[in-house]
Amino acid sequence: MWVDGVDPRGDFVNPRTFELAAAGAFQLVDRRALLPPLFTAGSEVVTFAEARELPELVRWWVAHPEERARVAAAGRARVLGAHTYRHRMETLLETVCARDVERLQARPRTETVADVARAEGDTSLGRLLAELPPHLPFTLDEVIGAILRREGDLTDAESTLLFLQQFDDMFVREQRERAS
């Protein structure tokens, strides 16, 4: 059963264990050293050490559907609470960011409306930007989107930006698309 150096008896937790639990399936899983931090044996999955244990385990669990459903529900709750792709990506990003924090902090970042509002100070544009969500990226499309979500009469600064956006839509974007 050895294929290209892969040990079929390797001590790992198969992704199927997470997928079945997420689907709400009851599982009898062979004991693995890496399983205990991931699932609680006996309450989220049921484990066995040797194949000869299986007939008795299967008979018992088939005869106790309520217990089987309880274990399956607990396994599903565990996966949804700690083992989704979102959890894995958060862990991955935390690890990468912790290792490379200085390099990542040194990278240039997108200017926000708060950055430009501070630089503009007490100008009509600065005052307008100070009223928008501070984390909003300072791009024409983002600023226009925020203006369009506001209510009331347009200020001179808002009217000017809407005009620029119309001009950009009608003339400039077409030229950029042709050039690329």
C-alpha atoms as a PDB file:
ATOM      1  CA  MET A   1       0.000   0.000   0.000  1.00  0.00           C
ATOM      2  CA  TRP A   2       3.004   2.338  -0.062  1.00  0.00           C
ATOM      3  CA  VAL A   3       2.549   4.791  -2.923  1.00  0.00           C
ATOM      4  CA  ASP A   4       5.285   7.274  -3.756  1.00  0.00           C
ATOM      5  CA  GLY A   5       6.553   7.249  -0.179  1.00  0.00           C
ATOM      6  CA  VAL A   6       3.128   7.909   1.431  1.00  0.00           C
ATOM      7  CA  ASP A   7       2.538   5.765   4.518  1.00  0.00           C
ATOM      8  CA  PRO A   8      -1.144   4.731   4.559  1.00  0.00           C
ATOM      9  CA  ARG A   9      -0.846   4.256   8.332  1.00  0.00           C
ATOM     10  CA  GLY A  10       0.422   7.797   8.839  1.00  0.00           C
ATOM     11  CA  ASP A  11      -0.632   9.525  12.036  1.00  0.00           C
ATOM     12  CA  PHE A  12      -2.717  12.439  10.796  1.00  0.00           C
ATOM     13  CA  VAL A  13      -6.330  13.579  10.920  1.00  0.00           C
ATOM     14  CA  ASN A  14      -7.950  13.239   7.532  1.00  0.00           C
ATOM     15  CA  PRO A  15      -9.840  16.310   6.233  1.00  0.00           C
ATOM     16  CA  ARG A  16     -12.821  13.989   5.844  1.00  0.00           C
ATOM     17  CA  THR A  17     -13.083  13.939   9.660  1.00  0.00           C
ATOM     18  CA  PHE A  18     -13.854  17.673   9.630  1.00  0.00           C
ATOM     19  CA  GLU A  19     -16.109  17.464   6.573  1.00  0.00           C
ATOM     20  CA  LEU A  20     -18.257  14.667   8.017  1.00  0.00           C
ATOM     21  CA  ALA A  21     -18.544  16.432  11.366  1.00  0.00           C
ATOM     22  CA  ALA A  22     -19.552  19.671   9.633  1.00  0.00           C
ATOM     23  CA  ALA A  23     -22.292  17.749   7.821  1.00  0.00           C
ATOM     24  CA  GLY A  24     -23.573  16.430  11.163  1.00  0.00           C
ATOM     25  CA  ALA A  25     -22.473  12.833  10.636  1.00  0.00           C
ATOM     26  CA  PHE A  26     -21.678  10.448  13.481  1.00  0.00           C
ATOM     27  CA  GLN A  27     -18.142   9.075  13.220  1.00  0.00           C
ATOM     28  CA  LEU A  28     -16.169   6.104  14.464  1.00  0.00           C
ATOM     29  CA  VAL A  29     -12.568   7.243  13.996  1.00  0.00           C
ATOM     30  CA  ASP A  30      -9.334   5.336  14.513  1.00  0.00           C
ATOM     31  CA  ARG A  31      -7.223   6.841  17.287  1.00  0.00           C
ATOM     32  CA  ARG A  32      -4.654   9.335  16.092  1.00  0.00           C
ATOM     33  CA  ALA A  33      -2.124  11.241  18.187  1.00  0.00           C
ATOM     34  CA  LEU A  34      -3.190  14.507  16.547  1.00  0.00           C
ATOM     35  CA  LEU A  35      -6.933  14.021  17.216  1.00  0.00           C
ATOM     36  CA  PRO A  36      -7.265  15.052  20.924  1.00  0.00           C
ATOM     37  CA  PRO A  37      -6.668  18.794  20.456  1.00  0.00           C
ATOM     38  CA  LEU A  38      -9.131  18.801  17.546  1.00  0.00           C
ATOM     39  CA  PHE A  39     -12.025  16.687  18.857  1.00  0.00           C
ATOM     40  CA  THR A  40     -12.948  15.248  22.233  1.00  0.00           C
ATOM     41  CA  ALA A  41     -13.071  11.473  21.917  1.00  0.00           C
ATOM     42  CA  GLY A  42     -16.310  10.018  23.233  1.00  0.00           C
ATOM     43  CA  SER A  43     -18.309  13.217  23.040  1.00  0.00           C
ATOM     44  CA  GLU A  44     -17.551  14.715  19.577  1.00  0.00           C
ATOM     45  CA  VAL A  45     -16.285  11.593  17.788  1.00  0.00           C
ATOM     46  CA  VAL A  46     -15.947   7.987  18.917  1.00  0.00           C
ATOM     47  CA  THR A  47     -12.535   6.385  18.570  1.00  0.00           C
ATOM     48  CA  PHE A  48     -11.202   2.847  18.363  1.00  0.00           C
ATOM     49  CA  ALA A  49      -7.678   1.449  18.542  1.00  0.00           C
ATOM     50  CA  GLU A  50      -8.070  -1.807  16.612  1.00  0.00           C
ATOM     51  CA  ALA A  51     -10.398  -3.081  13.900  1.00  0.00           C
ATOM     52  CA  ARG A  52     -11.581  -5.963  16.133  1.00  0.00           C
ATOM     53  CA  GLU A  53     -13.339  -3.360  18.353  1.00  0.00           C
ATOM     54  CA  LEU A  54     -15.553  -2.185  15.503  1.00  0.00           C
ATOM     55  CA  PRO A  55     -18.314  -4.835  15.432  1.00  0.00           C
ATOM     56  CA  GLU A  56     -19.199  -4.260  19.086  1.00  0.00           C
ATOM     57  CA  LEU A  57     -18.960  -0.475  18.757  1.00  0.00           C
ATOM     58  CA  VAL A  58     -21.140  -0.456  15.646  1.00  0.00           C
ATOM     59  CA  ARG A  59     -23.809  -2.635  17.320  1.00  0.00           C
ATOM     60  CA  TRP A  60     -23.886  -0.390  20.409  1.00  0.00           C
ATOM     61  CA  TRP A  61     -24.081   2.896  18.499  1.00  0.00           C
ATOM     62  CA  VAL A  62     -26.714   1.577  16.065  1.00  0.00           C
ATOM     63  CA  ALA A  63     -28.825   0.572  19.080  1.00  0.00           C
ATOM     64  CA  HIS A  64     -28.515   4.070  20.653  1.00  0.00           C
ATOM     65  CA  PRO A  65     -29.639   6.626  18.028  1.00  0.00           C
ATOM     66  CA  GLU A  66     -30.135   9.442  20.573  1.00  0.00           C
ATOM     67  CA  GLU A  67     -26.556   9.109  21.826  1.00  0.00           C
ATOM     68  CA  ARG A  68     -25.320   8.901  18.250  1.00  0.00           C
ATOM     69  CA  ALA A  69     -27.196  12.110  17.391  1.00  0.00           C
ATOM     70  CA  ARG A  70     -25.742  13.842  20.477  1.00  0.00           C
ATOM     71  CA  VAL A  71     -22.169  12.950  19.464  1.00  0.00           C
ATOM     72  CA  ALA A  72     -22.796  13.997  15.858  1.00  0.00           C
ATOM     73  CA  ALA A  73     -24.262  17.352  16.980  1.00  0.00           C
ATOM     74  CA  ALA A  74     -21.315  17.969  19.328  1.00  0.00           C
ATOM     75  CA  GLY A  75     -18.837  17.171  16.536  1.00  0.00           C
ATOM     76  CA  ARG A  76     -20.638  19.560  14.193  1.00  0.00           C
ATOM     77  CA  ALA A  77     -20.646  22.321  16.805  1.00  0.00           C
ATOM     78  CA  ARG A  78     -16.908  21.813  17.354  1.00  0.00           C
ATOM     79  CA  VAL A  79     -16.120  22.093  13.632  1.00  0.00           C
ATOM     80  CA  LEU A  80     -18.284  25.164  13.133  1.00  0.00           C
ATOM     81  CA  GLY A  81     -16.860  26.778  16.263  1.00  0.00           C
ATOM     82  CA  ALA A  82     -13.174  26.042  15.708  1.00  0.00           C
ATOM     83  CA  HIS A  83     -12.360  24.267  12.456  1.00  0.00           C
ATOM     84  CA  THR A  84     -13.788  26.151   9.466  1.00  0.00           C
ATOM     85  CA  TYR A  85     -11.722  27.513   6.581  1.00  0.00           C
ATOM     86  CA  ARG A  86     -12.205  30.935   8.153  1.00  0.00           C
ATOM     87  CA  HIS A  87     -10.551  29.706  11.383  1.00  0.00           C
ATOM     88  CA  ARG A  88      -7.663  28.228   9.418  1.00  0.00           C
ATOM     89  CA  MET A  89      -7.136  31.441   7.424  1.00  0.00           C
ATOM     90  CA  GLU A  90      -7.233  33.575  10.581  1.00  0.00           C
ATOM     91  CA  THR A  91      -4.572  31.355  12.142  1.00  0.00           C
ATOM     92  CA  LEU A  92      -2.495  31.451   8.963  1.00  0.00           C
ATOM     93  CA  LEU A  93      -2.715  35.241   8.704  1.00  0.00           C
ATOM     94  CA  GLU A  94      -1.933  35.712  12.413  1.00  0.00           C
ATOM     95  CA  THR A  95       1.145  33.519  11.991  1.00  0.00           C
ATOM     96  CA  VAL A  96       2.344  35.311   8.857  1.00  0.00           C
ATOM     97  CA  CYS A  97       1.672  38.740  10.316  1.00  0.00           C
ATOM     98  CA  ALA A  98       3.401  37.905  13.597  1.00  0.00           C
ATOM     99  CA  ARG A  99       6.478  36.656  11.756  1.00  0.00           C
ATOM    100  CA  ASP A 100       6.644  39.493   9.230  1.00  0.00           C
ATOM    101  CA  VAL A 101       5.127  42.373  11.213  1.00  0.00           C
ATOM    102  CA  GLU A 102       8.004  44.791  10.539  1.00  0.00           C
ATOM    103  CA  ARG A 103       8.030  44.107   6.813  1.00  0.00           C
ATOM    104  CA  LEU A 104       4.244  44.380   6.569  1.00  0.00           C
ATOM    105  CA  GLN A 105       4.139  47.616   8.540  1.00  0.00           C
ATOM    106  CA  ALA A 106       6.803  49.101   6.257  1.00  0.00           C
ATOM    107  CA  ARG A 107       4.693  48.482   3.136  1.00  0.00           C
ATOM    108  CA  PRO A 108       2.929  51.476   1.670  1.00  0.00           C
ATOM    109  CA  ARG A 109      -0.765  51.487   2.389  1.00  0.00           C
ATOM    110  CA  THR A 110      -3.763  52.964   0.656  1.00  0.00           C
ATOM    111  CA  GLU A 111      -4.534  56.503   1.668  1.00  0.00           C
ATOM    112  CA  THR A 112      -7.833  56.857   3.511  1.00  0.00           C
ATOM    113  CA  VAL A 113     -10.223  59.784   3.521  1.00  0.00           C
ATOM    114  CA  ALA A 114      -9.023  60.506   7.082  1.00  0.00           C
ATOM    115  CA  ASP A 115      -5.424  60.827   5.808  1.00  0.00           C
ATOM    116  CA  VAL A 116      -6.446  63.281   3.096  1.00  0.00           C
ATOM    117  CA  ALA A 117      -8.834  65.161   5.406  1.00  0.00           C
ATOM    118  CA  ARG A 118      -5.933  65.799   7.808  1.00  0.00           C
ATOM    119  CA  ALA A 119      -3.702  66.954   4.946  1.00  0.00           C
ATOM    120  CA  GLU A 120      -6.419  69.213   3.502  1.00  0.00           C
ATOM    121  CA  GLY A 121      -7.267  70.785   6.827  1.00  0.00           C
ATOM    122  CA  ASP A 122      -9.966  73.464   6.852  1.00  0.00           C
ATOM    123  CA  THR A 123     -10.817  73.449   3.145  1.00  0.00           C
ATOM    124  CA  SER A 124     -14.158  72.482   1.611  1.00  0.00           C
ATOM    125  CA  LEU A 125     -12.666  69.115   0.570  1.00  0.00           C
ATOM    126  CA  GLY A 126     -11.069  68.593   3.980  1.00  0.00           C
ATOM    127  CA  ARG A 127     -14.352  69.320   5.777  1.00  0.00           C
ATOM    128  CA  LEU A 128     -16.288  66.976   3.464  1.00  0.00           C
ATOM    129  CA  LEU A 129     -13.793  64.144   3.900  1.00  0.00           C
ATOM    130  CA  ALA A 130     -13.833  64.608   7.678  1.00  0.00           C
ATOM    131  CA  GLU A 131     -17.560  63.761   7.594  1.00  0.00           C
ATOM    132  CA  LEU A 132     -17.056  60.463   5.704  1.00  0.00           C
ATOM    133  CA  PRO A 133     -16.059  57.118   7.276  1.00  0.00           C
ATOM    134  CA  PRO A 134     -12.365  57.603   8.184  1.00  0.00           C
ATOM    135  CA  HIS A 135     -11.243  54.124   7.047  1.00  0.00           C
ATOM    136  CA  LEU A 136     -12.679  54.611   3.540  1.00  0.00           C
ATOM    137  CA  PRO A 137      -9.979  54.342   0.846  1.00  0.00           C
ATOM    138  CA  PHE A 138      -9.397  57.696  -0.823  1.00  0.00           C
ATOM    139  CA  THR A 139     -10.415  56.849  -4.375  1.00  0.00           C
ATOM    140  CA  LEU A 140     -12.882  58.688  -6.548  1.00  0.00           C
ATOM    141  CA  ASP A 141     -15.239  55.708  -6.680  1.00  0.00           C
ATOM    142  CA  GLU A 142     -15.205  55.195  -2.892  1.00  0.00           C
ATOM    143  CA  VAL A 143     -15.736  58.872  -2.112  1.00  0.00           C
ATOM    144  CA  ILE A 144     -18.545  59.143  -4.688  1.00  0.00           C
ATOM    145  CA  GLY A 145     -20.207  56.027  -3.247  1.00  0.00           C
ATOM    146  CA  ALA A 146     -20.128  57.603   0.220  1.00  0.00           C
ATOM    147  CA  ILE A 147     -21.519  60.890  -1.115  1.00  0.00           C
ATOM    148  CA  LEU A 148     -24.372  59.087  -2.857  1.00  0.00           C
ATOM    149  CA  ARG A 149     -25.319  57.381   0.421  1.00  0.00           C
ATOM    150  CA  ARG A 150     -25.652  60.735   2.190  1.00  0.00           C
ATOM    151  CA  GLU A 151     -28.898  62.687   2.430  1.00  0.00           C
ATOM    152  CA  GLY A 152     -29.672  66.357   2.005  1.00  0.00           C
ATOM    153  CA  ASP A 153     -28.536  69.046  -0.404  1.00  0.00           C
ATOM    154  CA  LEU A 154     -25.169  68.689  -2.104  1.00  0.00           C
ATOM    155  CA  THR A 155     -22.346  70.932  -0.961  1.00  0.00           C
ATOM    156  CA  ASP A 156     -20.077  72.625  -3.490  1.00  0.00           C
ATOM    157  CA  ALA A 157     -17.353  70.056  -2.768  1.00  0.00           C
ATOM    158  CA  GLU A 158     -19.790  67.157  -3.306  1.00  0.00           C
ATOM    159  CA  SER A 159     -21.054  68.687  -6.572  1.00  0.00           C
ATOM    160  CA  THR A 160     -17.492  69.160  -7.796  1.00  0.00           C
ATOM    161  CA  LEU A 161     -16.576  65.535  -7.015  1.00  0.00           C
ATOM    162  CA  LEU A 162     -19.737  64.253  -8.724  1.00  0.00           C
ATOM    163  CA  PHE A 163     -18.823  66.332 -11.786  1.00  0.00           C
ATOM    164  CA  LEU A 164     -15.304  64.857 -11.767  1.00  0.00           C
ATOM    165  CA  GLN A 165     -16.742  61.366 -11.546  1.00  0.00           C
ATOM    166  CA  GLN A 166     -19.063  62.038 -14.520  1.00  0.00           C
ATOM    167  CA  PHE A 167     -16.162  63.463 -16.526  1.00  0.00           C
ATOM    168  CA  ASP A 168     -14.061  60.435 -15.598  1.00  0.00           C
ATOM    169  CA  ASP A 169     -16.843  58.037 -16.638  1.00  0.00           C
ATOM    170  CA  MET A 170     -17.501  59.793 -19.933  1.00  0.00           C
ATOM    171  CA  PHE A 171     -13.972  60.519 -21.127  1.00  0.00           C
ATOM    172  CA  VAL A 172     -11.072  59.326 -19.022  1.00  0.00           C
ATOM    173  CA  ARG A 173     -11.989  55.691 -18.300  1.00  0.00           C
ATOM    174  CA  GLU A 174     -12.617  54.985 -21.955  1.00  0.00           C
ATOM    175  CA  GLN A 175      -9.139  56.265 -22.802  1.00  0.00           C
ATOM    176  CA  ARG A 176      -7.572  54.162 -20.019  1.00  0.00           C
ATOM    177  CA  GLU A 177      -9.353  51.047 -21.295  1.00  0.00           C
ATOM    178  CA  ARG A 178      -8.154  51.657 -24.852  1.00  0.00           C
ATOM    179  CA  ALA A 179      -4.596  52.140 -23.610  1.00  0.00           C
ATOM    180  CA  SER A 180      -4.602  48.873 -21.677  1.00  0.00           C
END
